């Protein structure tokens, strides 16, 4: 009776009070609830309720848990694991299932609260009690891979996604479904504008013959709510199909063979086998790659075969670009550059938990704007209305603060520019899908560049606060430094060093010169190869070319780089 009243009280408790509860409370409670099976079964229901209630704004309110406190909570997890092992040894499967379920819920809760380290420890322990080749094992490996990547541990993330891929392959092998000629795009492809644009890479994979019997990819999301509808519409001509009712169940039932089970009779693993996700790729040679390495492998083969861009502008789209640029005051026939410098405003809520290393200061780009205008070009500032307004400048249009901004104009302007100047964001994939090169500045994380060979890139460097010295590339490429995206995850002694305005001007001018026909010297190419070789050795891949002046200036950061 007491427990029931406690649960009723929790359910009536105002959300603003519940959101102040600490993850440690849940773990301590979970330990206490191992005492009696009845109490445990009742309170685990409350934990599920708490998880659903907290998930909404707990992430926005929670403070970062200190490393010392995190360590104590991890010790509690060790005790939880011992209890679960005891249940397993005594074949108490019902109690084991409830305990694992609660621990999984707590893991997702603390992940949304911003403590990915503790979340990873929760799911690491859950994974010990789930079959690696089950549907649950697949989803656990998937979540672990994302959290490990976000913390900067690329090696661990790769292993998790490989486990996920092996589980998916196994589930497809034992599935009762005949091999379909389609895969449905899961929700991860529509999480952000850049994710939608990455369908370009998936379609190239299919055209290279690396997708087996798959002939098309089916969109089951409600596209009316998707950012990136315009470029998604362009993909419809290249092997993407919209499901009539926005439901995989209805699409599957309409296209299944008579010998295949109906949707309602499918097991979770069989349903998962009909989906493909954003975060990993599998290949006919047996490789299972993290998305960045998979994209580099696909794009590298595409360029090796000298295939044209998948997307191109139609005559009506070209006319549309002309209409937009005229409305923006750009003379007919003038070339322009799209400028996109990432700021925290668009993902402000997310940025409070994960301050992004990818953000940059737009004021550092004024000299580069002048350099473009001096060479006869115009600059169109892209982004969203939360961005800091630019001061008026000749030849520059602050498009994001005009009434002309729209998703369609965003896409057309990016597809029609001479090149894009910007930072690491999903928007860079839009021009690249049309074969437009990018000059990418203040890039982070350094170990994961874009995968297009026509791009130029200069990364943020790292400096020791105590010594005042820049870290060499060998050290910057180490995990987790080379993969960290959250500023709070960097060691206390390490600070990021943004590109100087002069460095940004240099790579901008280099891009203009290259498009005007200037080639690289043998010495330039030799220095570039030194960088590539070190990056690949450290777990990266051959992607964007490093800016010539930047690499020469910082050549001492390469192995034996002090030798000119």
Protein backbone atom coordinates (compact mmCIF):
# COMPACT_ATOMS: atom_id res chain seq x y z
CA UNK A 1 0.00 0.00 0.00
CA UNK A 2 2.83 2.40 0.88
CA UNK A 3 4.56 1.72 -2.41
CA UNK A 4 1.37 2.28 -4.35
CA UNK A 5 0.85 5.62 -2.62
CA UNK A 6 4.45 6.57 -3.41
CA UNK A 7 3.88 5.84 -7.07
CA UNK A 8 0.65 7.84 -7.08
CA UNK A 9 2.49 10.75 -5.45
CA UNK A 10 5.21 10.60 -8.09
CA UNK A 11 2.65 10.67 -10.86
CA UNK A 12 0.96 13.72 -9.35
CA UNK A 13 4.24 15.54 -8.71
CA UNK A 14 4.66 18.73 -10.83
CA UNK A 15 7.10 18.37 -13.72
CA UNK A 16 9.23 21.30 -12.47
CA UNK A 17 9.99 19.31 -9.30
CA UNK A 18 10.63 16.01 -11.03
CA UNK A 19 13.10 17.64 -13.43
CA UNK A 20 15.32 18.56 -10.49
CA UNK A 21 15.88 14.93 -9.54
CA UNK A 22 19.46 13.78 -9.99
CA UNK A 23 20.39 10.61 -11.95
CA UNK A 24 22.09 9.42 -8.77
CA UNK A 25 18.67 9.28 -7.11
CA UNK A 26 17.49 6.84 -9.76
CA UNK A 27 20.55 4.61 -9.45
CA UNK A 28 20.42 4.64 -5.66
CA UNK A 29 16.75 3.85 -5.85
CA UNK A 30 17.37 1.02 -8.29
CA UNK A 31 19.82 -0.56 -5.85
CA UNK A 32 17.39 -0.24 -2.98
CA UNK A 33 14.63 -1.78 -5.02
CA UNK A 34 16.61 -4.96 -5.52
CA UNK A 35 15.72 -5.87 -1.90
CA UNK A 36 12.22 -7.18 -2.51
CA UNK A 37 10.78 -8.41 -5.75
CA UNK A 38 7.34 -6.89 -5.21
CA UNK A 39 8.70 -3.47 -4.31
CA UNK A 40 11.11 -3.67 -7.23
CA UNK A 41 8.41 -4.51 -9.74
CA UNK A 42 6.21 -1.63 -8.55
CA UNK A 43 8.92 1.01 -8.40
CA UNK A 44 10.37 0.09 -11.78
CA UNK A 45 7.04 1.18 -13.18
CA UNK A 46 7.64 4.50 -11.46
CA UNK A 47 11.11 4.66 -12.98
CA UNK A 48 9.65 4.25 -16.43
CA UNK A 49 7.18 7.03 -15.65
CA UNK A 50 10.00 9.22 -14.34
CA UNK A 51 11.99 8.61 -17.50
CA UNK A 52 9.10 9.70 -19.69
CA UNK A 53 8.42 12.78 -17.58
CA UNK A 54 12.02 13.86 -17.20
CA UNK A 55 13.03 13.38 -20.79
CA UNK A 56 11.25 16.54 -21.94
CA UNK A 57 13.10 19.36 -20.24
CA UNK A 58 15.49 17.58 -17.89
CA UNK A 59 18.14 18.00 -20.57
CA UNK A 60 17.60 21.73 -20.64
CA UNK A 61 17.73 22.11 -16.84
CA UNK A 62 20.31 19.56 -15.72
CA UNK A 63 23.72 20.75 -14.69
CA UNK A 64 26.79 18.89 -15.86
CA UNK A 65 27.60 16.19 -13.34
CA UNK A 66 31.12 16.57 -11.99
CA UNK A 67 33.75 13.91 -12.86
CA UNK A 68 33.97 12.99 -9.15
CA UNK A 69 30.21 12.50 -8.92
CA UNK A 70 30.19 10.55 -12.17
CA UNK A 71 32.81 8.19 -10.76
CA UNK A 72 30.65 7.52 -7.69
CA UNK A 73 27.65 6.81 -9.89
CA UNK A 74 29.73 4.40 -12.00
CA UNK A 75 30.60 2.54 -8.78
CA UNK A 76 26.88 2.22 -8.12
CA UNK A 77 26.49 0.79 -11.59
CA UNK A 78 29.04 -1.90 -10.68
CA UNK A 79 26.81 -2.88 -7.77
CA UNK A 80 23.74 -2.91 -10.03
CA UNK A 81 25.61 -5.20 -12.43
CA UNK A 82 26.45 -7.62 -9.61
CA UNK A 83 22.77 -7.85 -8.69
CA UNK A 84 21.86 -8.53 -12.31
CA UNK A 85 24.54 -11.22 -12.58
CA UNK A 86 23.09 -12.85 -9.47
CA UNK A 87 19.65 -12.95 -11.09
CA UNK A 88 21.16 -14.50 -14.20
CA UNK A 89 23.03 -17.16 -12.21
CA UNK A 90 19.87 -18.10 -10.35
CA UNK A 91 17.79 -18.08 -13.53
CA UNK A 92 15.52 -15.35 -12.16
CA UNK A 93 14.73 -14.13 -15.66
CA UNK A 94 11.72 -11.94 -14.80
CA UNK A 95 13.72 -9.92 -12.29
CA UNK A 96 16.68 -9.77 -14.67
CA UNK A 97 14.50 -8.41 -17.46
CA UNK A 98 13.00 -5.72 -15.23
CA UNK A 99 16.40 -4.66 -13.93
CA UNK A 100 17.96 -4.47 -17.40
CA UNK A 101 14.98 -2.49 -18.69
CA UNK A 102 15.27 0.02 -15.85
CA UNK A 103 19.02 0.41 -16.36
CA UNK A 104 18.48 1.02 -20.07
CA UNK A 105 15.90 3.72 -19.26
CA UNK A 106 18.31 5.42 -16.86
CA UNK A 107 21.03 5.32 -19.52
CA UNK A 108 18.89 7.19 -22.00
CA UNK A 109 17.78 9.61 -19.31
CA UNK A 110 21.29 10.67 -18.36
CA UNK A 111 22.26 10.86 -22.04
CA UNK A 112 19.52 13.40 -22.59
CA UNK A 113 20.71 15.18 -19.44
CA UNK A 114 24.13 15.66 -21.06
CA UNK A 115 26.26 13.03 -19.31
CA UNK A 116 27.24 10.68 -22.12
CA UNK A 117 29.99 9.06 -20.06
CA UNK A 118 27.54 7.78 -17.47
CA UNK A 119 25.04 6.86 -20.20
CA UNK A 120 27.69 4.78 -21.95
CA UNK A 121 28.49 2.93 -18.71
CA UNK A 122 24.79 2.14 -18.26
CA UNK A 123 24.42 0.62 -21.71
CA UNK A 124 27.78 -1.15 -21.50
CA UNK A 125 26.34 -3.11 -18.62
CA UNK A 126 23.00 -3.65 -20.35
CA UNK A 127 24.87 -5.09 -23.35
CA UNK A 128 26.29 -7.87 -21.16
CA UNK A 129 22.79 -9.23 -20.64
CA UNK A 130 21.51 -8.99 -24.23
CA UNK A 131 22.43 -11.22 -27.15
CA UNK A 132 24.72 -9.32 -29.53
CA UNK A 133 22.78 -10.76 -32.48
CA UNK A 134 19.31 -9.89 -31.22
CA UNK A 135 17.23 -6.82 -32.04
CA UNK A 136 17.90 -5.44 -28.57
CA UNK A 137 21.61 -6.04 -29.07
CA UNK A 138 21.44 -4.14 -32.35
CA UNK A 139 19.75 -1.09 -30.82
CA UNK A 140 22.15 -1.04 -27.86
CA UNK A 141 25.18 -1.13 -30.17
CA UNK A 142 23.64 1.68 -32.22
CA UNK A 143 23.08 3.97 -29.23
CA UNK A 144 26.49 3.21 -27.78
CA UNK A 145 28.15 4.02 -31.10
CA UNK A 146 26.53 7.46 -31.28
CA UNK A 147 27.39 8.34 -27.68
CA UNK A 148 30.98 7.12 -28.05
CA UNK A 149 31.41 9.15 -31.22
CA UNK A 150 30.01 12.27 -29.57
CA UNK A 151 32.49 11.86 -26.71
CA UNK A 152 35.38 11.56 -29.18
CA UNK A 153 36.08 7.83 -28.88
CA UNK A 154 35.98 6.93 -32.55
CA UNK A 155 37.65 3.54 -32.13
CA UNK A 156 34.98 2.39 -29.68
CA UNK A 157 32.25 3.86 -31.88
CA UNK A 158 33.55 1.95 -34.90
CA UNK A 159 33.44 -1.30 -32.95
CA UNK A 160 29.90 -0.61 -31.76
CA UNK A 161 28.67 0.12 -35.27
CA UNK A 162 30.44 -2.98 -36.55
CA UNK A 163 28.56 -5.00 -33.91
CA UNK A 164 25.34 -3.36 -35.02
CA UNK A 165 26.10 -4.18 -38.67
CA UNK A 166 26.89 -7.82 -37.91
CA UNK A 167 23.67 -8.12 -35.92
CA UNK A 168 21.68 -6.60 -38.78
CA UNK A 169 23.26 -8.98 -41.30
CA UNK A 170 22.51 -11.96 -39.08
CA UNK A 171 18.88 -10.90 -38.56
CA UNK A 172 18.47 -10.45 -42.32
CA UNK A 173 19.93 -13.92 -42.89
CA UNK A 174 17.40 -15.65 -40.64
CA UNK A 175 14.50 -13.43 -41.70
CA UNK A 176 11.41 -15.08 -43.21
CA UNK A 177 11.08 -12.18 -45.67
CA UNK A 178 12.13 -12.61 -49.29
CA UNK A 179 14.99 -10.29 -50.18
CA UNK A 180 13.27 -6.97 -50.97
CA UNK A 181 14.35 -4.61 -53.75
CA UNK A 182 14.07 -1.63 -51.41
CA UNK A 183 15.20 -0.34 -48.03
CA UNK A 184 13.31 2.24 -46.01
CA UNK A 185 15.19 5.27 -44.71
CA UNK A 186 14.89 5.33 -40.93
CA UNK A 187 14.35 8.44 -38.83
CA UNK A 188 18.07 9.23 -38.50
CA UNK A 189 18.17 10.40 -42.14
CA UNK A 190 15.75 13.21 -41.27
CA UNK A 191 17.22 14.41 -37.97
CA UNK A 192 18.82 17.45 -39.62
CA UNK A 193 19.14 19.24 -42.95
CA UNK A 194 22.61 17.79 -43.55
CA UNK A 195 21.41 14.25 -42.87
CA UNK A 196 18.86 14.57 -45.66
CA UNK A 197 21.57 15.85 -48.01
CA UNK A 198 23.69 12.78 -47.18
CA UNK A 199 21.19 10.65 -49.10
CA UNK A 200 23.40 11.75 -52.02
CA UNK A 201 26.12 9.42 -50.70
CA UNK A 202 23.67 6.53 -50.23
CA UNK A 203 22.45 6.88 -53.82
CA UNK A 204 26.02 6.92 -55.10
CA UNK A 205 26.65 3.71 -53.15
CA UNK A 206 23.73 2.09 -54.97
CA UNK A 207 24.90 3.33 -58.37
CA UNK A 208 28.37 1.93 -57.67
CA UNK A 209 26.71 -1.49 -57.25
CA UNK A 210 27.42 -1.69 -53.53
CA UNK A 211 23.82 -2.14 -52.32
CA UNK A 212 23.14 -5.68 -53.52
CA UNK A 213 19.58 -6.15 -54.79
CA UNK A 214 18.38 -2.78 -53.52
CA UNK A 215 16.94 -0.67 -56.34
CA UNK A 216 15.30 2.12 -54.37
CA UNK A 217 15.11 3.80 -50.97
CA UNK A 218 11.72 4.51 -49.49
CA UNK A 219 10.86 7.56 -47.40
CA UNK A 220 8.36 6.68 -44.68
CA UNK A 221 8.63 9.95 -42.73
CA UNK A 222 6.05 12.70 -42.95
CA UNK A 223 8.02 14.92 -45.35
CA UNK A 224 5.87 17.94 -44.55
CA UNK A 225 7.78 18.14 -41.25
CA UNK A 226 11.22 17.42 -42.71
CA UNK A 227 13.94 20.06 -43.14
CA UNK A 228 15.48 19.47 -46.55
CA UNK A 229 12.34 18.81 -48.57
CA UNK A 230 13.73 20.59 -51.63
CA UNK A 231 16.86 18.49 -52.03
CA UNK A 232 14.87 15.41 -51.06
CA UNK A 233 12.60 16.19 -54.00
CA UNK A 234 15.64 16.23 -56.28
CA UNK A 235 16.61 12.77 -55.05
CA UNK A 236 13.25 11.38 -56.21
CA UNK A 237 14.67 11.23 -59.73
CA UNK A 238 17.58 9.06 -58.60
CA UNK A 239 16.08 6.13 -56.73
CA UNK A 240 14.18 7.59 -53.78
CA UNK A 241 10.47 6.91 -53.43
CA UNK A 242 7.86 8.36 -51.09
CA UNK A 243 5.63 5.83 -49.34
CA UNK A 244 1.99 6.61 -50.16
CA UNK A 245 0.77 6.59 -46.58
CA UNK A 246 4.01 7.45 -44.78
CA UNK A 247 4.03 4.02 -43.15
CA UNK A 248 6.49 1.17 -43.56
CA UNK A 249 3.78 -1.25 -42.49
CA UNK A 250 1.44 -0.28 -45.33
CA UNK A 251 4.29 -0.11 -47.84
CA UNK A 252 5.58 -3.54 -46.83
CA UNK A 253 2.14 -5.15 -46.99
CA UNK A 254 1.51 -3.63 -50.42
CA UNK A 255 4.81 -4.93 -51.85
CA UNK A 256 5.40 -8.23 -50.01
CA UNK A 257 5.30 -11.56 -51.75
CA UNK A 258 2.44 -13.92 -50.94
CA UNK A 259 4.83 -16.24 -49.12
CA UNK A 260 6.06 -13.46 -46.82
CA UNK A 261 4.43 -12.90 -43.41
CA UNK A 262 2.21 -9.85 -43.02
CA UNK A 263 3.57 -6.84 -41.14
CA UNK A 264 1.74 -7.74 -37.93
CA UNK A 265 3.45 -11.14 -37.90
CA UNK A 266 6.99 -9.81 -38.32
CA UNK A 267 9.49 -9.95 -35.49
CA UNK A 268 11.32 -6.74 -34.44
CA UNK A 269 14.53 -7.97 -36.06
CA UNK A 270 12.74 -8.65 -39.35
CA UNK A 271 11.28 -5.16 -39.34
CA UNK A 272 14.72 -3.70 -38.60
CA UNK A 273 16.08 -5.54 -41.63
CA UNK A 274 13.87 -3.42 -43.87
CA UNK A 275 15.52 -0.20 -42.67
CA UNK A 276 18.81 1.52 -43.40
CA UNK A 277 20.27 4.13 -41.09
CA UNK A 278 22.43 7.22 -41.39
CA UNK A 279 25.21 6.22 -39.00
CA UNK A 280 26.84 3.23 -40.70
CA UNK A 281 27.35 1.58 -44.09
CA UNK A 282 28.05 -2.01 -45.00
CA UNK A 283 29.89 -2.99 -48.18
CA UNK A 284 30.10 -6.08 -50.41
CA UNK A 285 33.72 -6.63 -49.34
CA UNK A 286 32.53 -7.22 -45.76
CA UNK A 287 33.48 -3.79 -44.41
CA UNK A 288 31.10 -2.12 -41.97
CA UNK A 289 32.06 1.54 -41.70
CA UNK A 290 31.13 4.47 -39.51
CA UNK A 291 29.23 7.01 -41.62
CA UNK A 292 32.17 9.39 -42.22
CA UNK A 293 34.56 6.63 -43.29
CA UNK A 294 31.83 5.00 -45.35
CA UNK A 295 31.08 8.30 -47.10
CA UNK A 296 34.80 8.79 -47.81
CA UNK A 297 35.00 5.29 -49.30
CA UNK A 298 31.96 5.87 -51.53
CA UNK A 299 32.91 9.38 -52.65
CA UNK A 300 36.52 8.31 -53.20
CA UNK A 301 35.43 5.55 -55.58
CA UNK A 302 33.01 7.95 -57.29
CA UNK A 303 35.83 10.41 -57.96
CA UNK A 304 38.27 7.66 -58.95
CA UNK A 305 35.83 6.66 -61.69
CA UNK A 306 35.48 10.35 -62.62
CA UNK A 307 31.69 10.18 -62.39
CA UNK A 308 29.74 13.46 -62.59
CA UNK A 309 27.81 14.90 -59.61
CA UNK A 310 24.60 13.03 -58.94
CA UNK A 311 22.53 16.22 -58.93
CA UNK A 312 22.47 18.98 -61.52
CA UNK A 313 20.41 22.10 -61.99
CA UNK A 314 17.55 22.04 -64.45
CA UNK A 315 16.86 25.00 -66.71
CA UNK A 316 13.96 26.11 -64.52
CA UNK A 317 16.14 25.89 -61.41
CA UNK A 318 18.82 28.00 -63.09
CA UNK A 319 16.18 30.56 -63.94
CA UNK A 320 15.04 30.43 -60.32
CA UNK A 321 18.58 31.24 -59.14
CA UNK A 322 18.62 34.21 -61.50
CA UNK A 323 15.35 35.48 -60.08
CA UNK A 324 16.59 35.19 -56.50
CA UNK A 325 19.97 36.84 -57.12
CA UNK A 326 18.34 39.74 -58.99
CA UNK A 327 15.99 40.27 -56.05
CA UNK A 328 19.06 40.32 -53.79
CA UNK A 329 20.63 43.04 -55.91
CA UNK A 330 23.33 40.94 -57.56
CA UNK A 331 24.04 41.95 -61.19
CA UNK A 332 23.07 39.46 -63.88
CA UNK A 333 26.00 37.21 -64.79
CA UNK A 334 27.99 37.98 -61.63
CA UNK A 335 29.39 35.06 -59.69
CA UNK A 336 28.84 34.70 -55.99
CA UNK A 337 30.03 32.75 -52.96
CA UNK A 338 27.76 31.34 -50.25
CA UNK A 339 29.09 32.13 -46.77
CA UNK A 340 27.87 29.93 -43.91
CA UNK A 341 29.52 30.32 -40.50
CA UNK A 342 27.99 28.15 -37.83
CA UNK A 343 26.70 29.84 -34.66
CA UNK A 344 24.99 28.40 -31.60
CA UNK A 345 21.60 30.05 -32.17
CA UNK A 346 20.01 27.42 -34.45
CA UNK A 347 20.67 24.65 -31.91
CA UNK A 348 20.59 26.91 -28.86
CA UNK A 349 18.89 24.39 -26.57
CA UNK A 350 21.29 21.64 -27.66
CA UNK A 351 24.29 23.98 -27.38
CA UNK A 352 23.63 24.60 -23.70
CA UNK A 353 24.41 20.94 -23.06
CA UNK A 354 26.93 20.44 -25.85
CA UNK A 355 28.75 23.73 -26.64
CA UNK A 356 29.97 23.00 -30.14
CA UNK A 357 33.61 23.14 -31.17
CA UNK A 358 32.30 23.72 -34.71
CA UNK A 359 31.03 27.26 -34.05
CA UNK A 360 33.05 30.27 -35.24
CA UNK A 361 33.04 34.06 -35.10
CA UNK A 362 31.51 35.67 -38.20
CA UNK A 363 33.55 38.85 -37.68
CA UNK A 364 36.73 36.93 -38.56
CA UNK A 365 35.34 36.57 -42.10
CA UNK A 366 35.07 40.24 -43.06
CA UNK A 367 38.54 40.30 -44.70
CA UNK A 368 37.64 37.19 -46.73
CA UNK A 369 34.44 38.89 -47.89
CA UNK A 370 36.53 41.84 -49.08
CA UNK A 371 38.94 39.48 -50.86
CA UNK A 372 36.06 37.88 -52.79
CA UNK A 373 34.62 41.26 -53.77
CA UNK A 374 38.06 42.48 -54.90
CA UNK A 375 38.24 39.47 -57.25
CA UNK A 376 34.90 40.41 -58.80
CA UNK A 377 32.55 38.21 -56.80
CA UNK A 378 29.62 38.71 -54.46
CA UNK A 379 28.98 37.11 -51.07
CA UNK A 380 25.60 35.78 -49.91
CA UNK A 381 25.48 35.07 -46.19
CA UNK A 382 23.54 31.86 -45.51
CA UNK A 383 22.11 30.45 -42.28
CA UNK A 384 19.11 31.35 -40.16
CA UNK A 385 17.56 34.43 -38.60
CA UNK A 386 19.14 33.75 -35.17
CA UNK A 387 22.55 34.66 -36.58
CA UNK A 388 24.28 37.93 -35.76
CA UNK A 389 23.51 40.53 -38.46
CA UNK A 390 26.47 41.59 -40.58
CA UNK A 391 27.47 45.19 -40.98
CA UNK A 392 26.72 46.60 -44.45
CA UNK A 393 29.53 45.94 -46.93
CA UNK A 394 29.86 46.44 -50.69
CA UNK A 395 29.24 43.21 -52.59
CA UNK A 396 27.76 41.37 -49.58
CA UNK A 397 24.12 40.40 -49.00
CA UNK A 398 23.00 39.31 -45.51
CA UNK A 399 20.41 37.01 -47.06
CA UNK A 400 19.37 35.38 -43.77
CA UNK A 401 17.91 38.69 -42.61
CA UNK A 402 15.93 39.38 -45.77
CA UNK A 403 12.35 38.46 -46.55
CA UNK A 404 13.57 36.27 -49.40
CA UNK A 405 14.92 33.49 -47.21
CA UNK A 406 13.30 30.10 -47.75
CA UNK A 407 14.39 26.49 -47.92
CA UNK A 408 14.01 26.48 -51.69
CA UNK A 409 16.16 29.60 -52.05
CA UNK A 410 18.72 28.12 -49.64
CA UNK A 411 19.10 25.04 -51.81
CA UNK A 412 19.17 26.85 -55.14
CA UNK A 413 21.69 29.45 -53.99
CA UNK A 414 23.99 26.74 -52.59
CA UNK A 415 23.73 24.72 -55.80
CA UNK A 416 24.46 27.72 -58.02
CA UNK A 417 27.35 29.41 -56.19
CA UNK A 418 30.92 29.37 -57.48
CA UNK A 419 32.04 27.91 -54.18
CA UNK A 420 30.99 27.91 -50.55
CA UNK A 421 33.04 29.47 -47.75
CA UNK A 422 32.11 28.18 -44.33
CA UNK A 423 32.52 25.90 -41.34
CA UNK A 424 31.56 22.35 -40.41
CA UNK A 425 27.79 21.97 -40.76
CA UNK A 426 25.35 19.84 -42.67
CA UNK A 427 24.82 22.73 -45.07
CA UNK A 428 28.20 21.97 -46.69
CA UNK A 429 26.71 18.79 -48.20
CA UNK A 430 24.22 20.78 -50.31
CA UNK A 431 26.71 22.45 -52.69
CA UNK A 432 28.86 19.31 -52.69
CA UNK A 433 25.91 17.24 -53.96
CA UNK A 434 25.86 19.49 -57.05
CA UNK A 435 29.64 19.32 -57.54
CA UNK A 436 30.27 22.78 -56.05
CA UNK A 437 33.54 22.96 -54.04
CA UNK A 438 33.78 24.29 -50.49
CA UNK A 439 36.50 26.23 -48.68
CA UNK A 440 36.00 24.96 -45.14
CA UNK A 441 37.47 26.91 -42.24
CA UNK A 442 37.69 26.56 -38.46
CA UNK A 443 37.05 22.87 -39.05
CA UNK A 444 36.48 20.60 -36.10
CA UNK A 445 36.81 17.73 -35.43
CA UNK A 446 40.14 17.55 -37.26
CA UNK A 447 40.10 13.77 -37.67
CA UNK A 448 36.78 13.79 -39.58
CA UNK A 449 37.05 16.08 -42.62
CA UNK A 450 34.49 16.22 -45.40
CA UNK A 451 35.03 13.53 -48.02
CA UNK A 452 34.96 15.55 -51.24
CA UNK A 453 38.31 15.84 -53.02
CA UNK A 454 37.42 19.22 -54.53
CA UNK A 455 37.12 20.87 -51.09
CA UNK A 456 39.76 22.84 -49.23
CA UNK A 457 39.92 22.77 -45.44
CA UNK A 458 41.84 24.47 -42.64
CA UNK A 459 41.19 23.06 -39.16
CA UNK A 460 41.11 24.63 -35.75
CA UNK A 461 44.40 23.86 -34.00
CA UNK A 462 44.91 22.96 -30.34
CA UNK A 463 47.14 24.57 -27.77
CA UNK A 464 48.33 23.63 -24.30
CA UNK A 465 47.29 26.32 -21.84
CA UNK A 466 50.15 25.51 -19.49
CA UNK A 467 52.95 25.63 -22.07
CA UNK A 468 51.39 27.96 -24.60
CA UNK A 469 52.57 25.61 -27.38
CA UNK A 470 50.51 24.28 -30.28
CA UNK A 471 49.98 20.53 -30.29
CA UNK A 472 51.47 18.76 -33.30
CA UNK A 473 49.15 16.98 -35.73
CA UNK A 474 50.20 13.58 -34.39
CA UNK A 475 48.86 14.55 -30.95
CA UNK A 476 45.77 16.33 -32.29
CA UNK A 477 44.82 13.20 -34.22
CA UNK A 478 44.79 11.07 -31.06
CA UNK A 479 41.50 10.02 -29.52
CA UNK A 480 39.54 11.67 -28.13
CA UNK A 481 41.11 15.02 -29.10
CA UNK A 482 40.78 14.53 -32.85
CA UNK A 483 37.08 13.65 -32.69
CA UNK A 484 35.67 15.78 -29.84
CA UNK A 485 32.83 18.12 -30.85
CA UNK A 486 31.65 19.23 -27.39
CA UNK A 487 33.83 21.98 -25.90
CA UNK A 488 33.23 20.65 -22.38
CA UNK A 489 34.83 17.31 -23.29
CA UNK A 490 38.27 18.76 -23.99
CA UNK A 491 40.91 18.26 -21.28
CA UNK A 492 41.24 21.25 -18.98
CA UNK A 493 44.70 22.11 -20.30
CA UNK A 494 43.68 22.11 -23.98
CA UNK A 495 42.14 25.04 -25.83
CA UNK A 496 41.05 25.32 -29.46
CA UNK A 497 42.75 27.90 -31.65
CA UNK A 498 40.47 29.46 -34.26
CA UNK A 499 41.73 30.35 -37.71
CA UNK A 500 43.00 33.90 -38.03
CA UNK A 501 41.29 36.27 -40.50
CA UNK A 502 44.47 36.10 -42.65
CA UNK A 503 44.34 32.29 -42.75
CA UNK A 504 40.71 32.46 -43.85
CA UNK A 505 41.65 34.95 -46.58
CA UNK A 506 44.48 32.66 -47.75
CA UNK A 507 42.27 29.61 -48.25
CA UNK A 508 39.58 31.77 -49.90
CA UNK A 509 42.06 33.18 -52.41
CA UNK A 510 43.50 29.69 -52.97
CA UNK A 511 40.04 28.43 -53.94
CA UNK A 512 39.53 31.32 -56.37
CA UNK A 513 42.98 30.76 -57.87
CA UNK A 514 42.33 27.04 -58.28
CA UNK A 515 39.00 27.68 -60.00
CA UNK A 516 40.82 30.14 -62.25
CA UNK A 517 43.20 27.35 -63.30
CA UNK A 518 46.19 27.67 -60.98
CA UNK A 519 47.75 24.29 -60.18
CA UNK A 520 49.80 23.02 -57.27
CA UNK A 521 53.57 22.51 -57.25
CA UNK A 522 55.25 19.19 -56.53
CA UNK A 523 56.33 20.62 -53.17
CA UNK A 524 52.70 21.48 -52.36
CA UNK A 525 51.56 17.97 -53.20
CA UNK A 526 54.38 16.36 -51.21
CA UNK A 527 53.45 18.31 -48.08
CA UNK A 528 49.78 17.41 -48.60
CA UNK A 529 50.66 13.72 -48.88
CA UNK A 530 52.53 13.93 -45.57
CA UNK A 531 49.37 15.22 -43.93
CA UNK A 532 47.16 12.56 -45.57
CA UNK A 533 49.49 9.72 -44.58
CA UNK A 534 49.51 10.78 -40.94
CA UNK A 535 45.72 11.29 -40.89
CA UNK A 536 45.01 7.84 -42.35
CA UNK A 537 47.51 6.25 -39.98
CA UNK A 538 45.63 7.82 -37.06
CA UNK A 539 42.24 6.50 -38.18
CA UNK A 540 41.04 9.19 -40.60
CA UNK A 541 40.76 9.06 -44.40
CA UNK A 542 41.64 11.07 -47.50
CA UNK A 543 39.12 13.87 -47.63
CA UNK A 544 39.36 17.62 -48.08
CA UNK A 545 42.71 19.01 -49.19
CA UNK A 546 44.39 21.16 -46.54
CA UNK A 547 44.87 24.82 -47.48
CA UNK A 548 48.28 25.38 -49.05
CA UNK A 549 49.37 28.44 -47.06
CA UNK A 550 47.97 27.05 -43.82
CA UNK A 551 49.82 23.75 -44.16
CA UNK A 552 53.05 25.47 -45.12
CA UNK A 553 52.75 27.86 -42.17
CA UNK A 554 52.20 24.98 -39.74
CA UNK A 555 54.45 22.41 -41.40
CA UNK A 556 56.45 22.08 -38.19
CA UNK A 557 53.39 20.33 -36.70
CA UNK A 558 53.92 17.43 -39.13
CA UNK A 559 56.40 14.62 -38.39
CA UNK A 560 59.82 15.99 -39.42
CA UNK A 561 57.91 19.04 -40.60
CA UNK A 562 60.63 21.39 -39.50
CA UNK A 563 62.55 20.33 -42.60
CA UNK A 564 61.71 22.69 -45.46
